[in-house]
Amino acid sequence: MIPRLTNDAHWGFVSGRISVLENRFMNKDFFLSLISQEHISDLIPYLQETFLKDYLTPVMAWVDSGDLTDECFSNTALSLRSECPSSLPVDMFLIQGDYLNLKNALMGRTEYPFAGVTLSQEHLLSIAGGDLSELPQAMREAEFNWETGIQPETIDIILDGAYLRHLLSMAQEINSELISKYVRFRVISYIITVLWRTLKKNQPLKKCLQYILPLSDFSSIANELAAAGNPEVWISLVDGDVGDLILDAFSMPKDEQVPGFELGVQNHLIKLAKDGKLQTAGPERVFAFLAGLQAEMQNLKLTINGRVNRIDQKVLRSRLRECYV
């Protein structure tokens, strides 16, 4: 069912710009052609047609293709942010940079290369110096024992939990059926992914949850999934679409089940976001475009790095994400 969308004239200018930018999206046939190129130099004419066009140089270092896609995404998002009546639909993507910078700070580093919107350089430097009072609220809400400190092996999952709490809070503030549906699907699928990975490592699931909870009304289902401790049982505990993706993953070899589930989740999220294209003007139009751009950057990163490193073309084709067009 398509979520309810209400057009808002205040978003007309930025939505009009997005209508133009959407013409630059590439379809799956483009990426299949890109993957089939035998020589690295043959990639350039294809990339000239993409969002990366303005970032290509004659002496481009192919090993930095990930940096190119990240820079392209953040610059585009920041440009749109300046034209939005509310920054929320853009910030929901840019806060990923905040948490990546925060990881560096928690590890005592003083370089913060990612575009963020909620943590200043000053705050990050204070955290790097040991002042945990500067941590964002979503981080301080974590249930684990702070007295034990943040260990290197748990820092990623703790940050993921904080990031998801932040997303849920922003989704509630923006009050959009489409965006809420997208975020809620992302949260429940992340819980399943992290529990499934923990299960494969033969580690206790309840201990894993202390690093990501609380997660609003998802805390209850997270505890139920951990108590069940069996992905086959999880299918009956979650909504249909998530359960279907778990079931699809079971048809894959065991070592591919979790990555296969994750790819299915990413593809489903793009399908959810595409409904935002139906809106003439509004925050959903901005959010949907950025979800599509993020997927496109991931596909570009995959194909460029894959060809540079001579990864088998069949493997690359199997890892392509759903395209926005």
C-alpha atoms as a PDB file:
ATOM      1  CA  MET A   1       0.000   0.000   0.000  1.00  0.00           C
ATOM      2  CA  ILE A   2       1.358   3.427  -0.993  1.00  0.00           C
ATOM      3  CA  PRO A   3       1.795   5.690   2.073  1.00  0.00           C
ATOM      4  CA  ARG A   4      -0.277   8.848   2.327  1.00  0.00           C
ATOM      5  CA  LEU A   5       1.530  11.787   0.671  1.00  0.00           C
ATOM      6  CA  THR A   6       0.542  15.424   1.061  1.00  0.00           C
ATOM      7  CA  ASN A   7       2.018  18.010  -1.295  1.00  0.00           C
ATOM      8  CA  ASP A   8       3.495  21.088   0.370  1.00  0.00           C
ATOM      9  CA  ALA A   9       4.215  24.162  -1.758  1.00  0.00           C
ATOM     10  CA  HIS A  10       6.991  25.250   0.618  1.00  0.00           C
ATOM     11  CA  TRP A  11       9.033  22.357  -0.766  1.00  0.00           C
ATOM     12  CA  GLY A  12       8.367  23.334  -4.376  1.00  0.00           C
ATOM     13  CA  PHE A  13      11.778  24.824  -5.209  1.00  0.00           C
ATOM     14  CA  VAL A  14      13.931  21.990  -3.898  1.00  0.00           C
ATOM     15  CA  SER A  15      11.525  19.394  -5.313  1.00  0.00           C
ATOM     16  CA  GLY A  16      11.807  21.075  -8.714  1.00  0.00           C
ATOM     17  CA  ARG A  17      15.567  20.811  -8.551  1.00  0.00           C
ATOM     18  CA  ILE A  18      15.272  17.139  -7.637  1.00  0.00           C
ATOM     19  CA  SER A  19      13.073  16.568 -10.695  1.00  0.00           C
ATOM     20  CA  VAL A  20      16.045  17.678 -12.794  1.00  0.00           C
ATOM     21  CA  LEU A  21      18.619  15.693 -10.819  1.00  0.00           C
ATOM     22  CA  GLU A  22      16.571  12.513 -11.105  1.00  0.00           C
ATOM     23  CA  ASN A  23      17.292  12.447 -14.834  1.00  0.00           C
ATOM     24  CA  ARG A  24      20.911  11.549 -13.993  1.00  0.00           C
ATOM     25  CA  PHE A  25      20.051   8.284 -12.273  1.00  0.00           C
ATOM     26  CA  MET A  26      21.309   5.139 -14.022  1.00  0.00           C
ATOM     27  CA  ASN A  27      19.314   1.928 -14.452  1.00  0.00           C
ATOM     28  CA  LYS A  28      20.485  -1.636 -13.899  1.00  0.00           C
ATOM     29  CA  ASP A  29      21.456  -2.135 -17.559  1.00  0.00           C
ATOM     30  CA  PHE A  30      23.976   0.686 -17.175  1.00  0.00           C
ATOM     31  CA  PHE A  31      25.653  -1.003 -14.221  1.00  0.00           C
ATOM     32  CA  LEU A  32      25.689  -4.378 -15.978  1.00  0.00           C
ATOM     33  CA  SER A  33      27.458  -2.717 -18.910  1.00  0.00           C
ATOM     34  CA  LEU A  34      29.905  -1.031 -16.542  1.00  0.00           C
ATOM     35  CA  ILE A  35      30.717  -4.364 -14.901  1.00  0.00           C
ATOM     36  CA  SER A  36      31.357  -5.995 -18.288  1.00  0.00           C
ATOM     37  CA  GLN A  37      34.191  -3.588 -19.191  1.00  0.00           C
ATOM     38  CA  GLU A  38      37.525  -5.401 -19.350  1.00  0.00           C
ATOM     39  CA  HIS A  39      39.862  -2.408 -19.100  1.00  0.00           C
ATOM     40  CA  ILE A  40      39.833   0.193 -16.327  1.00  0.00           C
ATOM     41  CA  SER A  41      40.196   3.021 -18.846  1.00  0.00           C
ATOM     42  CA  ASP A  42      36.927   1.916 -20.460  1.00  0.00           C
ATOM     43  CA  LEU A  43      35.049   2.896 -17.307  1.00  0.00           C
ATOM     44  CA  ILE A  44      35.615   6.630 -17.783  1.00  0.00           C
ATOM     45  CA  PRO A  45      33.136   7.200 -20.661  1.00  0.00           C
ATOM     46  CA  TYR A  46      30.454   5.455 -18.610  1.00  0.00           C
ATOM     47  CA  LEU A  47      31.210   7.432 -15.454  1.00  0.00           C
ATOM     48  CA  GLN A  48      30.943  10.683 -17.422  1.00  0.00           C
ATOM     49  CA  GLU A  49      27.198  10.015 -17.573  1.00  0.00           C
ATOM     50  CA  THR A  50      26.780   9.709 -13.799  1.00  0.00           C
ATOM     51  CA  PHE A  51      26.648  11.975 -10.752  1.00  0.00           C
ATOM     52  CA  LEU A  52      30.428  11.453 -10.515  1.00  0.00           C
ATOM     53  CA  LYS A  53      31.062  13.392 -13.734  1.00  0.00           C
ATOM     54  CA  ASP A  54      32.259  16.531 -11.933  1.00  0.00           C
ATOM     55  CA  TYR A  55      34.555  14.504  -9.662  1.00  0.00           C
ATOM     56  CA  LEU A  56      36.577  12.757 -12.364  1.00  0.00           C
ATOM     57  CA  THR A  57      40.110  13.937 -13.102  1.00  0.00           C
ATOM     58  CA  PRO A  58      42.732  12.802 -15.637  1.00  0.00           C
ATOM     59  CA  VAL A  59      44.936  11.555 -12.810  1.00  0.00           C
ATOM     60  CA  MET A  60      42.162  10.065 -10.695  1.00  0.00           C
ATOM     61  CA  ALA A  61      43.418   7.430  -8.253  1.00  0.00           C
ATOM     62  CA  TRP A  62      41.079   4.479  -8.659  1.00  0.00           C
ATOM     63  CA  VAL A  63      41.821   3.340  -5.143  1.00  0.00           C
ATOM     64  CA  ASP A  64      39.994   6.466  -3.914  1.00  0.00           C
ATOM     65  CA  SER A  65      36.700   5.674  -5.653  1.00  0.00           C
ATOM     66  CA  GLY A  66      35.031   5.229  -2.263  1.00  0.00           C
ATOM     67  CA  ASP A  67      36.115   8.723  -1.293  1.00  0.00           C
ATOM     68  CA  LEU A  68      34.701  10.058  -4.583  1.00  0.00           C
ATOM     69  CA  THR A  69      31.273   8.534  -4.059  1.00  0.00           C
ATOM     70  CA  ASP A  70      31.151   9.674  -0.416  1.00  0.00           C
ATOM     71  CA  GLU A  71      32.136  13.213  -1.389  1.00  0.00           C
ATOM     72  CA  CYS A  72      29.606  13.306  -4.213  1.00  0.00           C
ATOM     73  CA  PHE A  73      26.797  12.151  -1.932  1.00  0.00           C
ATOM     74  CA  SER A  74      27.597  14.511   0.944  1.00  0.00           C
ATOM     75  CA  ASN A  75      28.068  17.543  -1.340  1.00  0.00           C
ATOM     76  CA  THR A  76      24.761  16.885  -3.102  1.00  0.00           C
ATOM     77  CA  ALA A  77      22.956  16.356   0.213  1.00  0.00           C
ATOM     78  CA  LEU A  78      24.398  19.528   1.757  1.00  0.00           C
ATOM     79  CA  SER A  79      23.443  21.522  -1.318  1.00  0.00           C
ATOM     80  CA  LEU A  80      19.841  20.309  -1.092  1.00  0.00           C
ATOM     81  CA  ARG A  81      19.812  20.909   2.663  1.00  0.00           C
ATOM     82  CA  SER A  82      20.355  24.619   2.141  1.00  0.00           C
ATOM     83  CA  GLU A  83      17.187  24.776   0.025  1.00  0.00           C
ATOM     84  CA  CYS A  84      14.872  22.740   2.275  1.00  0.00           C
ATOM     85  CA  PRO A  85      12.288  24.371   4.585  1.00  0.00           C
ATOM     86  CA  SER A  86      13.363  21.760   7.150  1.00  0.00           C
ATOM     87  CA  SER A  87      16.732  20.000   7.163  1.00  0.00           C
ATOM     88  CA  LEU A  88      15.324  16.800   8.697  1.00  0.00           C
ATOM     89  CA  PRO A  89      14.971  14.627   5.545  1.00  0.00           C
ATOM     90  CA  VAL A  90      18.580  15.436   4.612  1.00  0.00           C
ATOM     91  CA  ASP A  91      19.960  15.168   8.135  1.00  0.00           C
ATOM     92  CA  MET A  92      18.606  11.629   8.401  1.00  0.00           C
ATOM     93  CA  PHE A  93      21.288  10.664   5.883  1.00  0.00           C
ATOM     94  CA  LEU A  94      24.067  13.022   6.954  1.00  0.00           C
ATOM     95  CA  ILE A  95      24.037  11.922  10.607  1.00  0.00           C
ATOM     96  CA  GLN A  96      25.777   8.760   9.424  1.00  0.00           C
ATOM     97  CA  GLY A  97      28.834  10.988   9.029  1.00  0.00           C
ATOM     98  CA  ASP A  98      28.402  12.246  12.594  1.00  0.00           C
ATOM     99  CA  TYR A  99      28.560   8.731  13.973  1.00  0.00           C
ATOM    100  CA  LEU A 100      31.545   7.784  11.808  1.00  0.00           C
ATOM    101  CA  ASN A 101      33.341  10.884  13.108  1.00  0.00           C
ATOM    102  CA  LEU A 102      32.232   9.982  16.619  1.00  0.00           C
ATOM    103  CA  LYS A 103      33.870   6.574  16.259  1.00  0.00           C
ATOM    104  CA  ASN A 104      37.155   8.310  15.472  1.00  0.00           C
ATOM    105  CA  ALA A 105      36.744  10.548  18.521  1.00  0.00           C
ATOM    106  CA  LEU A 106      36.000   7.616  20.832  1.00  0.00           C
ATOM    107  CA  MET A 107      39.168   5.954  19.578  1.00  0.00           C
ATOM    108  CA  GLY A 108      41.149   9.069  20.497  1.00  0.00           C
ATOM    109  CA  ARG A 109      41.651  10.261  16.931  1.00  0.00           C
ATOM    110  CA  THR A 110      41.546  13.930  15.966  1.00  0.00           C
ATOM    111  CA  GLU A 111      40.660  13.679  12.276  1.00  0.00           C
ATOM    112  CA  TYR A 112      36.966  13.751  11.342  1.00  0.00           C
ATOM    113  CA  PRO A 113      36.645  13.478   7.552  1.00  0.00           C
ATOM    114  CA  PHE A 114      32.944  12.789   7.193  1.00  0.00           C
ATOM    115  CA  ALA A 115      30.234  15.363   6.554  1.00  0.00           C
ATOM    116  CA  GLY A 116      28.035  15.625   9.625  1.00  0.00           C
ATOM    117  CA  VAL A 117      25.427  18.016  10.968  1.00  0.00           C
ATOM    118  CA  THR A 118      25.046  17.475  14.706  1.00  0.00           C
ATOM    119  CA  LEU A 119      28.562  17.163  16.161  1.00  0.00           C
ATOM    120  CA  SER A 120      30.982  20.052  15.809  1.00  0.00           C
ATOM    121  CA  GLN A 121      34.757  19.716  15.621  1.00  0.00           C
ATOM    122  CA  GLU A 122      34.934  21.164  19.130  1.00  0.00           C
ATOM    123  CA  HIS A 123      32.576  18.523  20.541  1.00  0.00           C
ATOM    124  CA  LEU A 124      34.452  15.711  18.813  1.00  0.00           C
ATOM    125  CA  LEU A 125      37.801  16.914  20.123  1.00  0.00           C
ATOM    126  CA  SER A 126      36.375  17.065  23.669  1.00  0.00           C
ATOM    127  CA  ILE A 127      35.145  13.478  23.340  1.00  0.00           C
ATOM    128  CA  ALA A 128      38.522  12.397  21.964  1.00  0.00           C
ATOM    129  CA  GLY A 129      40.067  13.929  25.075  1.00  0.00           C
ATOM    130  CA  GLY A 130      37.871  11.755  27.302  1.00  0.00           C
ATOM    131  CA  ASP A 131      34.931  14.070  28.042  1.00  0.00           C
ATOM    132  CA  LEU A 132      31.989  11.693  27.555  1.00  0.00           C
ATOM    133  CA  SER A 133      29.536  14.350  28.744  1.00  0.00           C
ATOM    134  CA  GLU A 134      29.722  15.701  25.188  1.00  0.00           C
ATOM    135  CA  LEU A 135      28.259  12.488  23.742  1.00  0.00           C
ATOM    136  CA  PRO A 136      24.942  12.922  21.893  1.00  0.00           C
ATOM    137  CA  GLN A 137      21.775  12.038  23.779  1.00  0.00           C
ATOM    138  CA  ALA A 138      21.129   8.960  21.641  1.00  0.00           C
ATOM    139  CA  MET A 139      24.524   7.612  22.670  1.00  0.00           C
ATOM    140  CA  ARG A 140      24.040   8.266  26.382  1.00  0.00           C
ATOM    141  CA  GLU A 141      20.743   6.340  26.352  1.00  0.00           C
ATOM    142  CA  ALA A 142      22.524   3.018  25.715  1.00  0.00           C
ATOM    143  CA  GLU A 143      21.781   0.371  28.350  1.00  0.00           C
ATOM    144  CA  PHE A 144      25.271  -1.121  28.634  1.00  0.00           C
ATOM    145  CA  ASN A 145      27.471  -0.504  31.687  1.00  0.00           C
ATOM    146  CA  TRP A 146      29.377   2.707  30.967  1.00  0.00           C
ATOM    147  CA  GLU A 147      31.723   2.038  33.854  1.00  0.00           C
ATOM    148  CA  THR A 148      33.352  -0.759  31.865  1.00  0.00           C
ATOM    149  CA  GLY A 149      34.187   1.700  29.090  1.00  0.00           C
ATOM    150  CA  ILE A 150      33.737   1.336  25.353  1.00  0.00           C
ATOM    151  CA  GLN A 151      35.812  -1.531  24.028  1.00  0.00           C
ATOM    152  CA  PRO A 152      37.148  -1.693  20.443  1.00  0.00           C
ATOM    153  CA  GLU A 153      35.161  -4.882  19.751  1.00  0.00           C
ATOM    154  CA  THR A 154      31.849  -3.295  20.779  1.00  0.00           C
ATOM    155  CA  ILE A 155      32.200   0.280  19.546  1.00  0.00           C
ATOM    156  CA  ASP A 156      30.519  -0.341  16.177  1.00  0.00           C
ATOM    157  CA  ILE A 157      27.397  -1.976  17.579  1.00  0.00           C
ATOM    158  CA  ILE A 158      27.058   0.691  20.303  1.00  0.00           C
ATOM    159  CA  LEU A 159      27.252   3.419  17.663  1.00  0.00           C
ATOM    160  CA  ASP A 160      24.761   1.564  15.468  1.00  0.00           C
ATOM    161  CA  GLY A 161      22.277   1.460  18.331  1.00  0.00           C
ATOM    162  CA  ALA A 162      22.689   5.193  18.965  1.00  0.00           C
ATOM    163  CA  TYR A 163      22.355   5.958  15.260  1.00  0.00           C
ATOM    164  CA  LEU A 164      19.100   3.978  15.032  1.00  0.00           C
ATOM    165  CA  ARG A 165      17.678   5.732  18.121  1.00  0.00           C
ATOM    166  CA  HIS A 166      18.554   9.037  16.497  1.00  0.00           C
ATOM    167  CA  LEU A 167      16.838   7.981  13.259  1.00  0.00           C
ATOM    168  CA  LEU A 168      13.677   6.923  15.083  1.00  0.00           C
ATOM    169  CA  SER A 169      13.572  10.249  16.919  1.00  0.00           C
ATOM    170  CA  MET A 170      13.967  12.212  13.678  1.00  0.00           C
ATOM    171  CA  ALA A 171      11.329  10.113  11.909  1.00  0.00           C
ATOM    172  CA  GLN A 172       8.883  10.859  14.711  1.00  0.00           C
ATOM    173  CA  GLU A 173       9.651  14.568  14.450  1.00  0.00           C
ATOM    174  CA  ILE A 174       9.148  14.741  10.683  1.00  0.00           C
ATOM    175  CA  ASN A 175       5.806  12.921  10.979  1.00  0.00           C
ATOM    176  CA  SER A 176       5.788  11.286   7.535  1.00  0.00           C
ATOM    177  CA  GLU A 177       4.130   7.922   6.921  1.00  0.00           C
ATOM    178  CA  LEU A 178       6.579   7.014   4.154  1.00  0.00           C
ATOM    179  CA  ILE A 179       9.725   8.020   6.067  1.00  0.00           C
ATOM    180  CA  SER A 180       8.500   6.320   9.251  1.00  0.00           C
ATOM    181  CA  LYS A 181       7.808   3.105   7.327  1.00  0.00           C
ATOM    182  CA  TYR A 182      11.292   3.221   5.810  1.00  0.00           C
ATOM    183  CA  VAL A 183      13.050   3.853   9.132  1.00  0.00           C
ATOM    184  CA  ARG A 184      11.056   1.248  11.036  1.00  0.00           C
ATOM    185  CA  PHE A 185      11.856  -1.384   8.425  1.00  0.00           C
ATOM    186  CA  ARG A 186      15.513  -0.441   8.652  1.00  0.00           C
ATOM    187  CA  VAL A 187      15.516  -0.783  12.443  1.00  0.00           C
ATOM    188  CA  ILE A 188      13.847  -4.209  12.640  1.00  0.00           C
ATOM    189  CA  SER A 189      16.019  -5.573   9.821  1.00  0.00           C
ATOM    190  CA  TYR A 190      19.159  -4.314  11.583  1.00  0.00           C
ATOM    191  CA  ILE A 191      18.121  -6.065  14.806  1.00  0.00           C
ATOM    192  CA  ILE A 192      17.695  -9.321  12.900  1.00  0.00           C
ATOM    193  CA  THR A 193      21.006  -8.887  11.079  1.00  0.00           C
ATOM    194  CA  VAL A 194      23.039  -8.269  14.217  1.00  0.00           C
ATOM    195  CA  LEU A 195      21.344 -11.123  16.099  1.00  0.00           C
ATOM    196  CA  TRP A 196      21.891 -13.485  13.160  1.00  0.00           C
ATOM    197  CA  ARG A 197      25.584 -12.577  12.933  1.00  0.00           C
ATOM    198  CA  THR A 198      25.949 -13.015  16.697  1.00  0.00           C
ATOM    199  CA  LEU A 199      24.224 -16.401  16.499  1.00  0.00           C
ATOM    200  CA  LYS A 200      26.667 -17.561  13.818  1.00  0.00           C
ATOM    201  CA  LYS A 201      29.558 -16.628  16.136  1.00  0.00           C
ATOM    202  CA  ASN A 202      27.974 -18.752  18.913  1.00  0.00           C
ATOM    203  CA  GLN A 203      27.828 -15.727  21.195  1.00  0.00           C
ATOM    204  CA  PRO A 204      24.983 -14.930  23.647  1.00  0.00           C
ATOM    205  CA  LEU A 205      22.230 -12.895  22.012  1.00  0.00           C
ATOM    206  CA  LYS A 206      21.073 -11.171  25.184  1.00  0.00           C
ATOM    207  CA  LYS A 207      24.547  -9.773  25.763  1.00  0.00           C
ATOM    208  CA  CYS A 208      24.521  -8.417  22.213  1.00  0.00           C
ATOM    209  CA  LEU A 209      21.278  -6.532  22.857  1.00  0.00           C
ATOM    210  CA  GLN A 210      22.710  -4.540  25.759  1.00  0.00           C
ATOM    211  CA  TYR A 211      24.774  -2.586  23.243  1.00  0.00           C
ATOM    212  CA  ILE A 212      21.928  -1.586  20.906  1.00  0.00           C
ATOM    213  CA  LEU A 213      18.932  -1.172  23.216  1.00  0.00           C
ATOM    214  CA  PRO A 214      16.769   0.704  23.947  1.00  0.00           C
ATOM    215  CA  LEU A 215      15.123   1.124  20.550  1.00  0.00           C
ATOM    216  CA  SER A 216      11.744   2.610  21.373  1.00  0.00           C
ATOM    217  CA  ASP A 217       8.939   0.088  20.810  1.00  0.00           C
ATOM    218  CA  PHE A 218      11.390  -2.288  19.087  1.00  0.00           C
ATOM    219  CA  SER A 219      13.009  -3.267  22.386  1.00  0.00           C
ATOM    220  CA  SER A 220      10.252  -5.795  23.107  1.00  0.00           C
ATOM    221  CA  ILE A 221      10.503  -7.596  19.758  1.00  0.00           C
ATOM    222  CA  ALA A 222      14.306  -7.530  19.991  1.00  0.00           C
ATOM    223  CA  ASN A 223      14.119  -9.399  23.303  1.00  0.00           C
ATOM    224  CA  GLU A 224      11.614 -11.863  21.830  1.00  0.00           C
ATOM    225  CA  LEU A 225      13.897 -12.577  18.879  1.00  0.00           C
ATOM    226  CA  ALA A 226      16.876 -13.067  21.183  1.00  0.00           C
ATOM    227  CA  ALA A 227      14.887 -15.414  23.434  1.00  0.00           C
ATOM    228  CA  ALA A 228      13.774 -17.481  20.421  1.00  0.00           C
ATOM    229  CA  GLY A 229      17.381 -17.741  19.224  1.00  0.00           C
ATOM    230  CA  ASN A 230      16.402 -19.357  15.926  1.00  0.00           C
ATOM    231  CA  PRO A 231      15.987 -17.553  12.566  1.00  0.00           C
ATOM    232  CA  GLU A 232      13.355 -20.085  11.523  1.00  0.00           C
ATOM    233  CA  VAL A 233      11.222 -19.003  14.480  1.00  0.00           C
ATOM    234  CA  TRP A 234      11.867 -15.306  13.793  1.00  0.00           C
ATOM    235  CA  ILE A 235       9.738 -15.530  10.634  1.00  0.00           C
ATOM    236  CA  SER A 236       6.613 -15.922  12.765  1.00  0.00           C
ATOM    237  CA  LEU A 237       7.586 -13.068  15.085  1.00  0.00           C
ATOM    238  CA  VAL A 238       8.080 -10.275  12.546  1.00  0.00           C
ATOM    239  CA  ASP A 239       5.966  -8.603   9.872  1.00  0.00           C
ATOM    240  CA  GLY A 240       5.475 -10.302   6.518  1.00  0.00           C
ATOM    241  CA  ASP A 241       8.040  -8.450   4.391  1.00  0.00           C
ATOM    242  CA  VAL A 242      10.874  -8.997   6.867  1.00  0.00           C
ATOM    243  CA  GLY A 243       9.851 -12.613   7.341  1.00  0.00           C
ATOM    244  CA  ASP A 244       9.816 -13.135   3.581  1.00  0.00           C
ATOM    245  CA  LEU A 245      13.383 -11.852   3.340  1.00  0.00           C
ATOM    246  CA  ILE A 246      14.508 -14.246   6.092  1.00  0.00           C
ATOM    247  CA  LEU A 247      12.792 -17.080   4.207  1.00  0.00           C
ATOM    248  CA  ASP A 248      14.500 -16.053   0.959  1.00  0.00           C
ATOM    249  CA  ALA A 249      17.866 -16.104   2.733  1.00  0.00           C
ATOM    250  CA  PHE A 250      17.305 -19.698   3.812  1.00  0.00           C
ATOM    251  CA  SER A 251      17.384 -20.727   0.138  1.00  0.00           C
ATOM    252  CA  MET A 252      21.030 -19.582  -0.058  1.00  0.00           C
ATOM    253  CA  PRO A 253      24.192 -21.389   1.090  1.00  0.00           C
ATOM    254  CA  LYS A 254      24.712 -20.931   4.835  1.00  0.00           C
ATOM    255  CA  ASP A 255      27.668 -18.570   4.506  1.00  0.00           C
ATOM    256  CA  GLU A 256      25.642 -16.338   2.170  1.00  0.00           C
ATOM    257  CA  GLN A 257      22.423 -16.173   4.189  1.00  0.00           C
ATOM    258  CA  VAL A 258      23.156 -13.065   6.258  1.00  0.00           C
ATOM    259  CA  PRO A 259      24.714 -11.086   3.354  1.00  0.00           C
ATOM    260  CA  GLY A 260      21.805 -12.216   1.198  1.00  0.00           C
ATOM    261  CA  PHE A 261      19.320 -10.999   3.810  1.00  0.00           C
ATOM    262  CA  GLU A 262      21.122  -7.647   4.039  1.00  0.00           C
ATOM    263  CA  LEU A 263      21.015  -7.165   0.270  1.00  0.00           C
ATOM    264  CA  GLY A 264      17.319  -8.042   0.272  1.00  0.00           C
ATOM    265  CA  VAL A 265      16.763  -5.416   2.977  1.00  0.00           C
ATOM    266  CA  GLN A 266      18.571  -2.727   0.976  1.00  0.00           C
ATOM    267  CA  ASN A 267      16.535  -3.553  -2.111  1.00  0.00           C
ATOM    268  CA  HIS A 268      13.287  -3.434  -0.145  1.00  0.00           C
ATOM    269  CA  LEU A 269      14.218  -0.055   1.346  1.00  0.00           C
ATOM    270  CA  ILE A 270      14.714   1.387  -2.136  1.00  0.00           C
ATOM    271  CA  LYS A 271      11.321   0.054  -3.185  1.00  0.00           C
ATOM    272  CA  LEU A 272       9.772   1.781  -0.170  1.00  0.00           C
ATOM    273  CA  ALA A 273      11.583   5.035  -0.948  1.00  0.00           C
ATOM    274  CA  LYS A 274      10.473   5.031  -4.593  1.00  0.00           C
ATOM    275  CA  ASP A 275       6.940   5.885  -3.497  1.00  0.00           C
ATOM    276  CA  GLY A 276       8.291   9.341  -2.641  1.00  0.00           C
ATOM    277  CA  LYS A 277       8.657  10.045  -6.370  1.00  0.00           C
ATOM    278  CA  LEU A 278       4.867  10.235  -6.508  1.00  0.00           C
ATOM    279  CA  GLN A 279       4.940  13.423  -4.454  1.00  0.00           C
ATOM    280  CA  THR A 280       5.084  16.702  -6.359  1.00  0.00           C
ATOM    281  CA  ALA A 281       6.604  18.664  -3.464  1.00  0.00           C
ATOM    282  CA  GLY A 282       7.357  17.695   0.101  1.00  0.00           C
ATOM    283  CA  PRO A 283       9.956  16.201   2.461  1.00  0.00           C
ATOM    284  CA  GLU A 284       9.313  12.690   1.141  1.00  0.00           C
ATOM    285  CA  ARG A 285      10.502  13.764  -2.312  1.00  0.00           C
ATOM    286  CA  VAL A 286      13.845  14.864  -0.836  1.00  0.00           C
ATOM    287  CA  PHE A 287      14.177  11.773   1.350  1.00  0.00           C
ATOM    288  CA  ALA A 288      13.367   9.414  -1.526  1.00  0.00           C
ATOM    289  CA  PHE A 289      15.882  11.086  -3.834  1.00  0.00           C
ATOM    290  CA  LEU A 290      18.670  10.789  -1.258  1.00  0.00           C
ATOM    291  CA  ALA A 291      17.813   7.130  -0.626  1.00  0.00           C
ATOM    292  CA  GLY A 292      18.096   6.578  -4.373  1.00  0.00           C
ATOM    293  CA  LEU A 293      21.349   8.541  -4.588  1.00  0.00           C
ATOM    294  CA  GLN A 294      22.831   6.560  -1.715  1.00  0.00           C
ATOM    295  CA  ALA A 295      22.004   3.301  -3.495  1.00  0.00           C
ATOM    296  CA  GLU A 296      23.492   4.632  -6.736  1.00  0.00           C
ATOM    297  CA  MET A 297      26.722   5.613  -4.969  1.00  0.00           C
ATOM    298  CA  GLN A 298      26.958   2.135  -3.457  1.00  0.00           C
ATOM    299  CA  ASN A 299      26.499   0.536  -6.877  1.00  0.00           C
ATOM    300  CA  LEU A 300      29.150   2.819  -8.376  1.00  0.00           C
ATOM    301  CA  LYS A 301      31.556   2.026  -5.547  1.00  0.00           C
ATOM    302  CA  LEU A 302      30.896  -1.702  -5.982  1.00  0.00           C
ATOM    303  CA  THR A 303      31.414  -1.714  -9.732  1.00  0.00           C
ATOM    304  CA  ILE A 304      34.474   0.557  -9.809  1.00  0.00           C
ATOM    305  CA  ASN A 305      36.281  -1.204  -6.969  1.00  0.00           C
ATOM    306  CA  GLY A 306      35.200  -4.562  -8.343  1.00  0.00           C
ATOM    307  CA  ARG A 307      36.688  -3.944 -11.769  1.00  0.00           C
ATOM    308  CA  VAL A 308      39.860  -2.378 -10.344  1.00  0.00           C
ATOM    309  CA  ASN A 309      40.398  -5.428  -8.124  1.00  0.00           C
ATOM    310  CA  ARG A 310      39.412  -7.929 -10.849  1.00  0.00           C
ATOM    311  CA  ILE A 311      36.520  -9.384  -8.890  1.00  0.00           C
ATOM    312  CA  ASP A 312      34.543 -11.901 -10.907  1.00  0.00           C
ATOM    313  CA  GLN A 313      31.803 -10.209 -12.935  1.00  0.00           C
ATOM    314  CA  LYS A 314      29.212 -12.758 -11.847  1.00  0.00           C
ATOM    315  CA  VAL A 315      29.896 -11.910  -8.201  1.00  0.00           C
ATOM    316  CA  LEU A 316      29.549  -8.181  -8.881  1.00  0.00           C
ATOM    317  CA  ARG A 317      26.255  -8.658 -10.719  1.00  0.00           C
ATOM    318  CA  SER A 318      24.863 -10.631  -7.786  1.00  0.00           C
ATOM    319  CA  ARG A 319      25.750  -7.823  -5.364  1.00  0.00           C
ATOM    320  CA  LEU A 320      24.150  -4.932  -7.265  1.00  0.00           C
ATOM    321  CA  ARG A 321      21.466  -3.096  -5.340  1.00  0.00           C
ATOM    322  CA  GLU A 322      18.024  -2.201  -6.604  1.00  0.00           C
ATOM    323  CA  CYS A 323      18.219   0.942  -8.733  1.00  0.00           C
ATOM    324  CA  TYR A 324      16.070   4.010  -8.180  1.00  0.00           C
ATOM    325  CA  VAL A 325      14.997   4.047 -11.848  1.00  0.00           C
END
